[in-house]
Amino acid sequence: MVKITTLKPLVPRSSGYTVMPQPKRADAELQTAEHKAWRLVVCRRAQWQCQWVENGRRCQRSAARGDRMIADHIIERADGGALYDPDNGQCLCTQHNTLKGVMARTARKDGQGG
């Protein structure tokens, strides 16, 4: 009996990424006791419901429904927003927090003439 061997592929298997993304890391500031206390005040005030309003309707996502809620800086920290001022905070679901962040980065980029 003849044993047939196969060659290994010459090209390694691809993950589909052109460049592998960096692993996600939490900002150290978000782990501080001060930030956690600020988050609690902001989210409790909103009753753990997303405060995003679009077309006159408030988002229905909430912690009670099992949605993840994020305390968001209304004026982004990168734009000079107050770090622990509850008046600069709003409770957003992850979808709206991501959308707001993209919008803020785009506005920041456009404001720099990019």
PDB file of N, CA and C in Angstrom:
ATOM      1  N   MET A   1       0.849  -1.166   0.000  1.00  0.00           N
ATOM      2  CA  MET A   1       0.000   0.000   0.000  1.00  0.00           C
ATOM      3  C   MET A   1       0.901   1.238   0.000  1.00  0.00           C
ATOM      4  N   VAL A   2       0.582   2.192  -0.858  1.00  0.00           N
ATOM      5  CA  VAL A   2       1.363   3.414  -0.978  1.00  0.00           C
ATOM      6  C   VAL A   2       0.681   4.514  -0.172  1.00  0.00           C
ATOM      7  N   LYS A   3       1.470   5.180   0.651  1.00  0.00           N
ATOM      8  CA  LYS A   3       0.942   6.282   1.444  1.00  0.00           C
ATOM      9  C   LYS A   3       1.141   7.583   0.668  1.00  0.00           C
ATOM     10  N   ILE A   4       0.057   8.310   0.470  1.00  0.00           N
ATOM     11  CA  ILE A   4       0.118   9.573  -0.253  1.00  0.00           C
ATOM     12  C   ILE A   4       0.145  10.704   0.766  1.00  0.00           C
ATOM     13  N   THR A   5       1.127  11.575   0.636  1.00  0.00           N
ATOM     14  CA  THR A   5       1.210  12.723   1.533  1.00  0.00           C
ATOM     15  C   THR A   5       0.786  13.975   0.771  1.00  0.00           C
ATOM     16  N   THR A   6       0.214  14.879   1.482  1.00  0.00           N
ATOM     17  CA  THR A   6      -0.213  16.128   0.849  1.00  0.00           C
ATOM     18  C   THR A   6       0.690  17.259   1.332  1.00  0.00           C
ATOM     19  N   LEU A   7       0.829  18.248   0.493  1.00  0.00           N
ATOM     20  CA  LEU A   7       1.634  19.407   0.844  1.00  0.00           C
ATOM     21  C   LEU A   7       0.799  20.398   1.643  1.00  0.00           C
ATOM     22  N   LYS A   8       1.468  21.078   2.539  1.00  0.00           N
ATOM     23  CA  LYS A   8       0.791  22.138   3.290  1.00  0.00           C
ATOM     24  C   LYS A   8       0.584  23.329   2.355  1.00  0.00           C
ATOM     25  N   PRO A   9      -0.447  24.136   2.593  1.00  0.00           N
ATOM     26  CA  PRO A   9      -0.655  25.308   1.743  1.00  0.00           C
ATOM     27  C   PRO A   9       0.554  26.253   1.809  1.00  0.00           C
ATOM     28  N   LEU A  10       0.891  26.834   0.684  1.00  0.00           N
ATOM     29  CA  LEU A  10       2.011  27.770   0.639  1.00  0.00           C
ATOM     30  C   LEU A  10       1.637  29.132   1.219  1.00  0.00           C
ATOM     31  N   VAL A  11       0.369  29.471   1.153  1.00  0.00           N
ATOM     32  CA  VAL A  11      -0.118  30.746   1.680  1.00  0.00           C
ATOM     33  C   VAL A  11      -0.885  30.452   2.969  1.00  0.00           C
ATOM     34  N   PRO A  12      -0.528  31.146   4.060  1.00  0.00           N
ATOM     35  CA  PRO A  12      -1.254  30.891   5.317  1.00  0.00           C
ATOM     36  C   PRO A  12      -2.706  31.318   5.213  1.00  0.00           C
ATOM     37  N   ARG A  13      -3.523  30.690   6.015  1.00  0.00           N
ATOM     38  CA  ARG A  13      -4.944  31.039   6.046  1.00  0.00           C
ATOM     39  C   ARG A  13      -5.108  32.472   6.496  1.00  0.00           C
ATOM     40  N   SER A  14      -6.071  33.154   5.930  1.00  0.00           N
ATOM     41  CA  SER A  14      -6.300  34.557   6.243  1.00  0.00           C
ATOM     42  C   SER A  14      -7.489  34.705   7.179  1.00  0.00           C
ATOM     43  N   SER A  15      -7.401  35.716   8.041  1.00  0.00           N
ATOM     44  CA  SER A  15      -8.527  36.033   8.914  1.00  0.00           C
ATOM     45  C   SER A  15      -9.546  36.895   8.182  1.00  0.00           C
ATOM     46  N   GLY A  16      -9.176  37.388   6.993  1.00  0.00           N
ATOM     47  CA  GLY A  16     -10.059  38.279   6.254  1.00  0.00           C
ATOM     48  C   GLY A  16      -9.692  39.742   6.429  1.00  0.00           C
ATOM     49  N   TYR A  17      -8.873  40.041   7.447  1.00  0.00           N
ATOM     50  CA  TYR A  17      -8.436  41.418   7.671  1.00  0.00           C
ATOM     51  C   TYR A  17      -7.211  41.710   6.813  1.00  0.00           C
ATOM     52  N   THR A  18      -7.148  42.903   6.260  1.00  0.00           N
ATOM     53  CA  THR A  18      -5.946  43.336   5.566  1.00  0.00           C
ATOM     54  C   THR A  18      -4.863  43.609   6.600  1.00  0.00           C
ATOM     55  N   VAL A  19      -5.263  44.284   7.667  1.00  0.00           N
ATOM     56  CA  VAL A  19      -4.383  44.545   8.797  1.00  0.00           C
ATOM     57  C   VAL A  19      -5.159  44.153  10.040  1.00  0.00           C
ATOM     58  N   MET A  20      -4.527  43.403  10.914  1.00  0.00           N
ATOM     59  CA  MET A  20      -5.218  42.982  12.135  1.00  0.00           C
ATOM     60  C   MET A  20      -5.461  44.197  13.036  1.00  0.00           C
ATOM     61  N   PRO A  21      -6.685  44.354  13.555  1.00  0.00           N
ATOM     62  CA  PRO A  21      -6.957  45.475  14.461  1.00  0.00           C
ATOM     63  C   PRO A  21      -6.261  45.270  15.801  1.00  0.00           C
ATOM     64  N   GLN A  22      -5.942  46.380  16.452  1.00  0.00           N
ATOM     65  CA  GLN A  22      -5.349  46.322  17.784  1.00  0.00           C
ATOM     66  C   GLN A  22      -6.394  45.794  18.762  1.00  0.00           C
ATOM     67  N   PRO A  23      -5.971  45.051  19.775  1.00  0.00           N
ATOM     68  CA  PRO A  23      -6.942  44.596  20.771  1.00  0.00           C
ATOM     69  C   PRO A  23      -7.572  45.798  21.473  1.00  0.00           C
ATOM     70  N   LYS A  24      -8.845  45.676  21.784  1.00  0.00           N
ATOM     71  CA  LYS A  24      -9.570  46.768  22.433  1.00  0.00           C
ATOM     72  C   LYS A  24      -9.115  46.859  23.888  1.00  0.00           C
ATOM     73  N   ARG A  25      -8.824  48.074  24.310  1.00  0.00           N
ATOM     74  CA  ARG A  25      -8.395  48.311  25.694  1.00  0.00           C
ATOM     75  C   ARG A  25      -9.252  49.415  26.294  1.00  0.00           C
ATOM     76  N   ALA A  26      -9.664  49.208  27.526  1.00  0.00           N
ATOM     77  CA  ALA A  26     -10.459  50.230  28.218  1.00  0.00           C
ATOM     78  C   ALA A  26      -9.553  51.388  28.599  1.00  0.00           C
ATOM     79  N   ASP A  27     -10.044  52.591  28.434  1.00  0.00           N
ATOM     80  CA  ASP A  27      -9.338  53.786  28.853  1.00  0.00           C
ATOM     81  C   ASP A  27      -9.178  53.704  30.371  1.00  0.00           C
ATOM     82  N   ALA A  28      -7.976  53.905  30.875  1.00  0.00           N
ATOM     83  CA  ALA A  28      -7.718  53.813  32.319  1.00  0.00           C
ATOM     84  C   ALA A  28      -8.619  54.761  33.107  1.00  0.00           C
ATOM     85  N   GLU A  29      -8.942  55.914  32.510  1.00  0.00           N
ATOM     86  CA  GLU A  29      -9.812  56.897  33.182  1.00  0.00           C
ATOM     87  C   GLU A  29     -11.179  56.295  33.500  1.00  0.00           C
ATOM     88  N   LEU A  30     -11.655  55.397  32.641  1.00  0.00           N
ATOM     89  CA  LEU A  30     -12.988  54.807  32.837  1.00  0.00           C
ATOM     90  C   LEU A  30     -13.019  53.802  33.985  1.00  0.00           C
ATOM     91  N   GLN A  31     -11.861  53.453  34.505  1.00  0.00           N
ATOM     92  CA  GLN A  31     -11.785  52.483  35.598  1.00  0.00           C
ATOM     93  C   GLN A  31     -11.659  53.138  36.968  1.00  0.00           C
ATOM     94  N   THR A  32     -11.586  54.470  37.004  1.00  0.00           N
ATOM     95  CA  THR A  32     -11.394  55.156  38.285  1.00  0.00           C
ATOM     96  C   THR A  32     -12.690  55.202  39.102  1.00  0.00           C
ATOM     97  N   ALA A  33     -12.537  55.353  40.399  1.00  0.00           N
ATOM     98  CA  ALA A  33     -13.701  55.458  41.292  1.00  0.00           C
ATOM     99  C   ALA A  33     -14.520  56.706  40.955  1.00  0.00           C
ATOM    100  N   GLU A  34     -13.837  57.800  40.572  1.00  0.00           N
ATOM    101  CA  GLU A  34     -14.525  59.042  40.234  1.00  0.00           C
ATOM    102  C   GLU A  34     -15.419  58.861  39.015  1.00  0.00           C
ATOM    103  N   HIS A  35     -14.900  58.167  38.008  1.00  0.00           N
ATOM    104  CA  HIS A  35     -15.702  57.941  36.805  1.00  0.00           C
ATOM    105  C   HIS A  35     -16.887  57.021  37.111  1.00  0.00           C
ATOM    106  N   LYS A  36     -16.654  55.986  37.878  1.00  0.00           N
ATOM    107  CA  LYS A  36     -17.738  55.054  38.222  1.00  0.00           C
ATOM    108  C   LYS A  36     -18.853  55.763  38.997  1.00  0.00           C
ATOM    109  N   ALA A  37     -18.468  56.672  39.898  1.00  0.00           N
ATOM    110  CA  ALA A  37     -19.476  57.433  40.659  1.00  0.00           C
ATOM    111  C   ALA A  37     -20.247  58.363  39.718  1.00  0.00           C
ATOM    112  N   TRP A  38     -19.538  59.034  38.805  1.00  0.00           N
ATOM    113  CA  TRP A  38     -20.172  59.922  37.827  1.00  0.00           C
ATOM    114  C   TRP A  38     -21.141  59.132  36.954  1.00  0.00           C
ATOM    115  N   ARG A  39     -20.725  57.960  36.493  1.00  0.00           N
ATOM    116  CA  ARG A  39     -21.569  57.103  35.653  1.00  0.00           C
ATOM    117  C   ARG A  39     -22.858  56.740  36.381  1.00  0.00           C
ATOM    118  N   LEU A  40     -22.731  56.379  37.635  1.00  0.00           N
ATOM    119  CA  LEU A  40     -23.899  55.991  38.422  1.00  0.00           C
ATOM    120  C   LEU A  40     -24.892  57.151  38.532  1.00  0.00           C
ATOM    121  N   VAL A  41     -24.407  58.352  38.800  1.00  0.00           N
ATOM    122  CA  VAL A  41     -25.284  59.532  38.907  1.00  0.00           C
ATOM    123  C   VAL A  41     -25.997  59.781  37.576  1.00  0.00           C
ATOM    124  N   VAL A  42     -25.234  59.758  36.478  1.00  0.00           N
ATOM    125  CA  VAL A  42     -25.790  60.056  35.151  1.00  0.00           C
ATOM    126  C   VAL A  42     -26.840  59.015  34.753  1.00  0.00           C
ATOM    127  N   CYS A  43     -26.527  57.749  34.920  1.00  0.00           N
ATOM    128  CA  CYS A  43     -27.459  56.692  34.487  1.00  0.00           C
ATOM    129  C   CYS A  43     -28.683  56.583  35.403  1.00  0.00           C
ATOM    130  N   ARG A  44     -28.484  56.773  36.706  1.00  0.00           N
ATOM    131  CA  ARG A  44     -29.641  56.757  37.620  1.00  0.00           C
ATOM    132  C   ARG A  44     -30.611  57.888  37.286  1.00  0.00           C
ATOM    133  N   ARG A  45     -30.059  59.074  37.024  1.00  0.00           N
ATOM    134  CA  ARG A  45     -30.891  60.234  36.696  1.00  0.00           C
ATOM    135  C   ARG A  45     -31.768  59.937  35.480  1.00  0.00           C
ATOM    136  N   ALA A  46     -31.236  59.191  34.520  1.00  0.00           N
ATOM    137  CA  ALA A  46     -31.984  58.840  33.300  1.00  0.00           C
ATOM    138  C   ALA A  46     -32.813  57.575  33.485  1.00  0.00           C
ATOM    139  N   GLN A  47     -32.818  57.044  34.699  1.00  0.00           N
ATOM    140  CA  GLN A  47     -33.526  55.808  35.021  1.00  0.00           C
ATOM    141  C   GLN A  47     -33.051  54.662  34.127  1.00  0.00           C
ATOM    142  N   TRP A  48     -31.774  54.676  33.811  1.00  0.00           N
ATOM    143  CA  TRP A  48     -31.109  53.617  33.046  1.00  0.00           C
ATOM    144  C   TRP A  48     -31.770  53.388  31.688  1.00  0.00           C
ATOM    145  N   GLN A  49     -32.317  54.467  31.108  1.00  0.00           N
ATOM    146  CA  GLN A  49     -32.914  54.408  29.772  1.00  0.00           C
ATOM    147  C   GLN A  49     -32.137  55.337  28.851  1.00  0.00           C
ATOM    148  N   CYS A  50     -31.957  54.926  27.608  1.00  0.00           N
ATOM    149  CA  CYS A  50     -31.248  55.727  26.616  1.00  0.00           C
ATOM    150  C   CYS A  50     -31.939  57.079  26.446  1.00  0.00           C
ATOM    151  N   GLN A  51     -31.168  58.145  26.433  1.00  0.00           N
ATOM    152  CA  GLN A  51     -31.709  59.493  26.321  1.00  0.00           C
ATOM    153  C   GLN A  51     -31.659  60.034  24.892  1.00  0.00           C
ATOM    154  N   TRP A  52     -31.284  59.213  23.932  1.00  0.00           N
ATOM    155  CA  TRP A  52     -31.207  59.663  22.538  1.00  0.00           C
ATOM    156  C   TRP A  52     -32.605  59.957  22.023  1.00  0.00           C
ATOM    157  N   VAL A  53     -32.782  61.132  21.427  1.00  0.00           N
ATOM    158  CA  VAL A  53     -34.064  61.519  20.847  1.00  0.00           C
ATOM    159  C   VAL A  53     -33.855  61.726  19.354  1.00  0.00           C
ATOM    160  N   GLU A  54     -34.674  61.061  18.565  1.00  0.00           N
ATOM    161  CA  GLU A  54     -34.602  61.181  17.114  1.00  0.00           C
ATOM    162  C   GLU A  54     -36.015  61.307  16.574  1.00  0.00           C
ATOM    163  N   ASN A  55     -36.228  62.308  15.731  1.00  0.00           N
ATOM    164  CA  ASN A  55     -37.556  62.585  15.176  1.00  0.00           C
ATOM    165  C   ASN A  55     -38.601  62.739  16.274  1.00  0.00           C
ATOM    166  N   GLY A  56     -38.203  63.356  17.391  1.00  0.00           N
ATOM    167  CA  GLY A  56     -39.130  63.616  18.481  1.00  0.00           C
ATOM    168  C   GLY A  56     -39.440  62.412  19.362  1.00  0.00           C
ATOM    169  N   ARG A  57     -38.772  61.284  19.133  1.00  0.00           N
ATOM    170  CA  ARG A  57     -39.039  60.071  19.922  1.00  0.00           C
ATOM    171  C   ARG A  57     -37.783  59.634  20.656  1.00  0.00           C
ATOM    172  N   ARG A  58     -37.960  59.297  21.924  1.00  0.00           N
ATOM    173  CA  ARG A  58     -36.843  58.832  22.741  1.00  0.00           C
ATOM    174  C   ARG A  58     -36.612  57.345  22.490  1.00  0.00           C
ATOM    175  N   CYS A  59     -35.356  56.970  22.420  1.00  0.00           N
ATOM    176  CA  CYS A  59     -34.979  55.567  22.246  1.00  0.00           C
ATOM    177  C   CYS A  59     -35.581  54.731  23.385  1.00  0.00           C
ATOM    178  N   GLN A  60     -36.027  53.541  23.079  1.00  0.00           N
ATOM    179  CA  GLN A  60     -36.678  52.680  24.080  1.00  0.00           C
ATOM    180  C   GLN A  60     -35.720  51.691  24.752  1.00  0.00           C
ATOM    181  N   ARG A  61     -34.450  51.702  24.344  1.00  0.00           N
ATOM    182  CA  ARG A  61     -33.503  50.773  24.968  1.00  0.00           C
ATOM    183  C   ARG A  61     -33.259  51.176  26.414  1.00  0.00           C
ATOM    184  N   SER A  62     -33.116  50.152  27.267  1.00  0.00           N
ATOM    185  CA  SER A  62     -32.899  50.415  28.688  1.00  0.00           C
ATOM    186  C   SER A  62     -32.241  49.212  29.347  1.00  0.00           C
ATOM    187  N   ALA A  63     -31.676  49.463  30.512  1.00  0.00           N
ATOM    188  CA  ALA A  63     -31.079  48.375  31.278  1.00  0.00           C
ATOM    189  C   ALA A  63     -32.147  47.365  31.686  1.00  0.00           C
ATOM    190  N   ALA A  64     -33.359  47.838  31.933  1.00  0.00           N
ATOM    191  CA  ALA A  64     -34.451  46.940  32.328  1.00  0.00           C
ATOM    192  C   ALA A  64     -34.772  45.930  31.233  1.00  0.00           C
ATOM    193  N   ARG A  65     -34.551  46.316  29.979  1.00  0.00           N
ATOM    194  CA  ARG A  65     -34.778  45.406  28.839  1.00  0.00           C
ATOM    195  C   ARG A  65     -33.575  44.505  28.590  1.00  0.00           C
ATOM    196  N   GLY A  66     -32.491  44.779  29.307  1.00  0.00           N
ATOM    197  CA  GLY A  66     -31.273  43.993  29.115  1.00  0.00           C
ATOM    198  C   GLY A  66     -30.259  44.663  28.206  1.00  0.00           C
ATOM    199  N   ASP A  67     -30.520  45.914  27.828  1.00  0.00           N
ATOM    200  CA  ASP A  67     -29.583  46.645  26.972  1.00  0.00           C
ATOM    201  C   ASP A  67     -28.454  47.223  27.819  1.00  0.00           C
ATOM    202  N   ARG A  68     -27.282  47.316  27.233  1.00  0.00           N
ATOM    203  CA  ARG A  68     -26.138  47.900  27.934  1.00  0.00           C
ATOM    204  C   ARG A  68     -26.228  49.420  27.826  1.00  0.00           C
ATOM    205  N   MET A  69     -26.125  50.090  28.956  1.00  0.00           N
ATOM    206  CA  MET A  69     -26.199  51.545  29.000  1.00  0.00           C
ATOM    207  C   MET A  69     -24.818  52.121  29.309  1.00  0.00           C
ATOM    208  N   ILE A  70     -24.533  53.260  28.683  1.00  0.00           N
ATOM    209  CA  ILE A  70     -23.237  53.909  28.817  1.00  0.00           C
ATOM    210  C   ILE A  70     -23.459  55.351  29.248  1.00  0.00           C
ATOM    211  N   ALA A  71     -22.678  55.812  30.225  1.00  0.00           N
ATOM    212  CA  ALA A  71     -22.695  57.224  30.601  1.00  0.00           C
ATOM    213  C   ALA A  71     -21.793  57.938  29.606  1.00  0.00           C
ATOM    214  N   ASP A  72     -22.378  58.851  28.848  1.00  0.00           N
ATOM    215  CA  ASP A  72     -21.680  59.545  27.767  1.00  0.00           C
ATOM    216  C   ASP A  72     -21.480  61.004  28.123  1.00  0.00           C
ATOM    217  N   HIS A  73     -20.310  61.544  27.753  1.00  0.00           N
ATOM    218  CA  HIS A  73     -20.067  62.980  27.920  1.00  0.00           C
ATOM    219  C   HIS A  73     -20.735  63.712  26.769  1.00  0.00           C
ATOM    220  N   ILE A  74     -21.662  64.612  27.070  1.00  0.00           N
ATOM    221  CA  ILE A  74     -22.386  65.364  26.043  1.00  0.00           C
ATOM    222  C   ILE A  74     -21.381  66.136  25.188  1.00  0.00           C
ATOM    223  N   ILE A  75     -20.508  66.896  25.843  1.00  0.00           N
ATOM    224  CA  ILE A  75     -19.370  67.501  25.152  1.00  0.00           C
ATOM    225  C   ILE A  75     -18.208  66.546  25.392  1.00  0.00           C
ATOM    226  N   GLU A  76     -17.720  65.951  24.329  1.00  0.00           N
ATOM    227  CA  GLU A  76     -16.680  64.927  24.429  1.00  0.00           C
ATOM    228  C   GLU A  76     -15.471  65.423  25.223  1.00  0.00           C
ATOM    229  N   ARG A  77     -14.823  64.501  25.930  1.00  0.00           N
ATOM    230  CA  ARG A  77     -13.608  64.848  26.673  1.00  0.00           C
ATOM    231  C   ARG A  77     -12.562  65.423  25.731  1.00  0.00           C
ATOM    232  N   ALA A  78     -12.464  64.860  24.525  1.00  0.00           N
ATOM    233  CA  ALA A  78     -11.486  65.337  23.540  1.00  0.00           C
ATOM    234  C   ALA A  78     -11.778  66.761  23.086  1.00  0.00           C
ATOM    235  N   ASP A  79     -13.012  67.216  23.289  1.00  0.00           N
ATOM    236  CA  ASP A  79     -13.396  68.573  22.893  1.00  0.00           C
ATOM    237  C   ASP A  79     -13.436  69.524  24.092  1.00  0.00           C
ATOM    238  N   GLY A  80     -12.909  69.076  25.227  1.00  0.00           N
ATOM    239  CA  GLY A  80     -12.838  69.927  26.411  1.00  0.00           C
ATOM    240  C   GLY A  80     -14.021  69.812  27.349  1.00  0.00           C
ATOM    241  N   GLY A  81     -14.850  68.794  27.173  1.00  0.00           N
ATOM    242  CA  GLY A  81     -16.004  68.610  28.046  1.00  0.00           C
ATOM    243  C   GLY A  81     -15.597  68.294  29.470  1.00  0.00           C
ATOM    244  N   ALA A  82     -16.385  68.787  30.423  1.00  0.00           N
ATOM    245  CA  ALA A  82     -16.105  68.557  31.844  1.00  0.00           C
ATOM    246  C   ALA A  82     -16.141  67.061  32.145  1.00  0.00           C
ATOM    247  N   LEU A  83     -15.119  66.600  32.844  1.00  0.00           N
ATOM    248  CA  LEU A  83     -14.935  65.175  33.077  1.00  0.00           C
ATOM    249  C   LEU A  83     -15.986  64.566  34.005  1.00  0.00           C
ATOM    250  N   TYR A  84     -16.204  65.175  35.163  1.00  0.00           N
ATOM    251  CA  TYR A  84     -17.098  64.561  36.150  1.00  0.00           C
ATOM    252  C   TYR A  84     -18.314  65.421  36.480  1.00  0.00           C
ATOM    253  N   ASP A  85     -18.680  66.321  35.606  1.00  0.00           N
ATOM    254  CA  ASP A  85     -19.851  67.165  35.823  1.00  0.00           C
ATOM    255  C   ASP A  85     -21.086  66.410  35.340  1.00  0.00           C
ATOM    256  N   PRO A  86     -22.018  66.066  36.242  1.00  0.00           N
ATOM    257  CA  PRO A  86     -23.212  65.334  35.815  1.00  0.00           C
ATOM    258  C   PRO A  86     -24.022  66.073  34.749  1.00  0.00           C
ATOM    259  N   ASP A  87     -23.907  67.410  34.712  1.00  0.00           N
ATOM    260  CA  ASP A  87     -24.623  68.166  33.682  1.00  0.00           C
ATOM    261  C   ASP A  87     -24.030  67.937  32.290  1.00  0.00           C
ATOM    262  N   ASN A  88     -22.820  67.389  32.226  1.00  0.00           N
ATOM    263  CA  ASN A  88     -22.195  67.061  30.948  1.00  0.00           C
ATOM    264  C   ASN A  88     -22.333  65.560  30.671  1.00  0.00           C
ATOM    265  N   GLY A  89     -23.323  64.927  31.260  1.00  0.00           N
ATOM    266  CA  GLY A  89     -23.497  63.491  31.076  1.00  0.00           C
ATOM    267  C   GLY A  89     -24.896  63.133  30.624  1.00  0.00           C
ATOM    268  N   GLN A  90     -24.959  62.066  29.833  1.00  0.00           N
ATOM    269  CA  GLN A  90     -26.244  61.512  29.424  1.00  0.00           C
ATOM    270  C   GLN A  90     -26.084  59.995  29.323  1.00  0.00           C
ATOM    271  N   CYS A  91     -27.175  59.296  29.514  1.00  0.00           N
ATOM    272  CA  CYS A  91     -27.188  57.840  29.450  1.00  0.00           C
ATOM    273  C   CYS A  91     -27.592  57.437  28.026  1.00  0.00           C
ATOM    274  N   LEU A  92     -26.723  56.652  27.367  1.00  0.00           N
ATOM    275  CA  LEU A  92     -27.006  56.202  26.007  1.00  0.00           C
ATOM    276  C   LEU A  92     -26.826  54.693  25.894  1.00  0.00           C
ATOM    277  N   CYS A  93     -27.593  54.101  24.990  1.00  0.00           N
ATOM    278  CA  CYS A  93     -27.378  52.687  24.662  1.00  0.00           C
ATOM    279  C   CYS A  93     -26.097  52.606  23.832  1.00  0.00           C
ATOM    280  N   THR A  94     -25.550  51.423  23.673  1.00  0.00           N
ATOM    281  CA  THR A  94     -24.287  51.281  22.944  1.00  0.00           C
ATOM    282  C   THR A  94     -24.413  51.760  21.496  1.00  0.00           C
ATOM    283  N   GLN A  95     -25.541  51.499  20.858  1.00  0.00           N
ATOM    284  CA  GLN A  95     -25.729  51.908  19.464  1.00  0.00           C
ATOM    285  C   GLN A  95     -25.661  53.426  19.333  1.00  0.00           C
ATOM    286  N   HIS A  96     -26.374  54.135  20.187  1.00  0.00           N
ATOM    287  CA  HIS A  96     -26.393  55.592  20.090  1.00  0.00           C
ATOM    288  C   HIS A  96     -25.097  56.218  20.599  1.00  0.00           C
ATOM    289  N   ASN A  97     -24.435  55.570  21.561  1.00  0.00           N
ATOM    290  CA  ASN A  97     -23.138  56.052  22.014  1.00  0.00           C
ATOM    291  C   ASN A  97     -22.115  55.960  20.874  1.00  0.00           C
ATOM    292  N   THR A  98     -22.144  54.863  20.136  1.00  0.00           N
ATOM    293  CA  THR A  98     -21.239  54.699  18.993  1.00  0.00           C
ATOM    294  C   THR A  98     -21.547  55.730  17.917  1.00  0.00           C
ATOM    295  N   LEU A  99     -22.825  55.902  17.605  1.00  0.00           N
ATOM    296  CA  LEU A  99     -23.238  56.873  16.591  1.00  0.00           C
ATOM    297  C   LEU A  99     -22.791  58.280  16.982  1.00  0.00           C
ATOM    298  N   LYS A 100     -22.999  58.668  18.233  1.00  0.00           N
ATOM    299  CA  LYS A 100     -22.605  59.999  18.695  1.00  0.00           C
ATOM    300  C   LYS A 100     -21.100  60.177  18.608  1.00  0.00           C
ATOM    301  N   GLY A 101     -20.351  59.154  18.970  1.00  0.00           N
ATOM    302  CA  GLY A 101     -18.889  59.224  18.890  1.00  0.00           C
ATOM    303  C   GLY A 101     -18.401  59.417  17.463  1.00  0.00           C
ATOM    304  N   VAL A 102     -19.001  58.687  16.522  1.00  0.00           N
ATOM    305  CA  VAL A 102     -18.636  58.830  15.107  1.00  0.00           C
ATOM    306  C   VAL A 102     -18.959  60.241  14.627  1.00  0.00           C
ATOM    307  N   MET A 103     -20.128  60.735  15.014  1.00  0.00           N
ATOM    308  CA  MET A 103     -20.523  62.089  14.610  1.00  0.00           C
ATOM    309  C   MET A 103     -19.557  63.142  15.187  1.00  0.00           C
ATOM    310  N   ALA A 104     -19.151  62.966  16.448  1.00  0.00           N
ATOM    311  CA  ALA A 104     -18.238  63.922  17.088  1.00  0.00           C
ATOM    312  C   ALA A 104     -16.860  63.880  16.424  1.00  0.00           C
ATOM    313  N   ARG A 105     -16.356  62.673  16.136  1.00  0.00           N
ATOM    314  CA  ARG A 105     -15.054  62.569  15.471  1.00  0.00           C
ATOM    315  C   ARG A 105     -15.097  63.173  14.074  1.00  0.00           C
ATOM    316  N   THR A 106     -16.206  62.963  13.357  1.00  0.00           N
ATOM    317  CA  THR A 106     -16.361  63.535  12.019  1.00  0.00           C
ATOM    318  C   THR A 106     -16.379  65.059  12.092  1.00  0.00           C
ATOM    319  N   ALA A 107     -17.122  65.604  13.043  1.00  0.00           N
ATOM    320  CA  ALA A 107     -17.204  67.055  13.203  1.00  0.00           C
ATOM    321  C   ALA A 107     -15.828  67.623  13.571  1.00  0.00           C
ATOM    322  N   ARG A 108     -15.102  66.906  14.432  1.00  0.00           N
ATOM    323  CA  ARG A 108     -13.776  67.347  14.836  1.00  0.00           C
ATOM    324  C   ARG A 108     -12.841  67.359  13.637  1.00  0.00           C
ATOM    325  N   LYS A 109     -12.903  66.316  12.826  1.00  0.00           N
ATOM    326  CA  LYS A 109     -12.061  66.205  11.638  1.00  0.00           C
ATOM    327  C   LYS A 109     -12.415  67.303  10.641  1.00  0.00           C
ATOM    328  N   ASP A 110     -13.719  67.501  10.400  1.00  0.00           N
ATOM    329  CA  ASP A 110     -14.167  68.525   9.445  1.00  0.00           C
ATOM    330  C   ASP A 110     -13.789  69.916   9.934  1.00  0.00           C
ATOM    331  N   GLY A 111     -13.813  70.132  11.227  1.00  0.00           N
ATOM    332  CA  GLY A 111     -13.456  71.429  11.789  1.00  0.00           C
ATOM    333  C   GLY A 111     -11.970  71.745  11.627  1.00  0.00           C
ATOM    334  N   GLN A 112     -11.164  70.683  11.419  1.00  0.00           N
ATOM    335  CA  GLN A 112      -9.720  70.883  11.232  1.00  0.00           C
ATOM    336  C   GLN A 112      -9.364  71.022   9.762  1.00  0.00           C
ATOM    337  N   GLY A 113     -10.396  71.105   8.919  1.00  0.00           N
ATOM    338  CA  GLY A 113     -10.144  71.291   7.502  1.00  0.00           C
ATOM    339  C   GLY A 113      -9.846  70.004   6.763  1.00  0.00           C
ATOM    340  N   GLY A 114     -10.097  68.834   7.441  1.00  0.00           N
ATOM    341  CA  GLY A 114      -9.771  67.543   6.832  1.00  0.00           C
ATOM    342  C   GLY A 114     -10.866  67.079   6.008  1.00  0.00           C
TER     343      GLY A 114
END
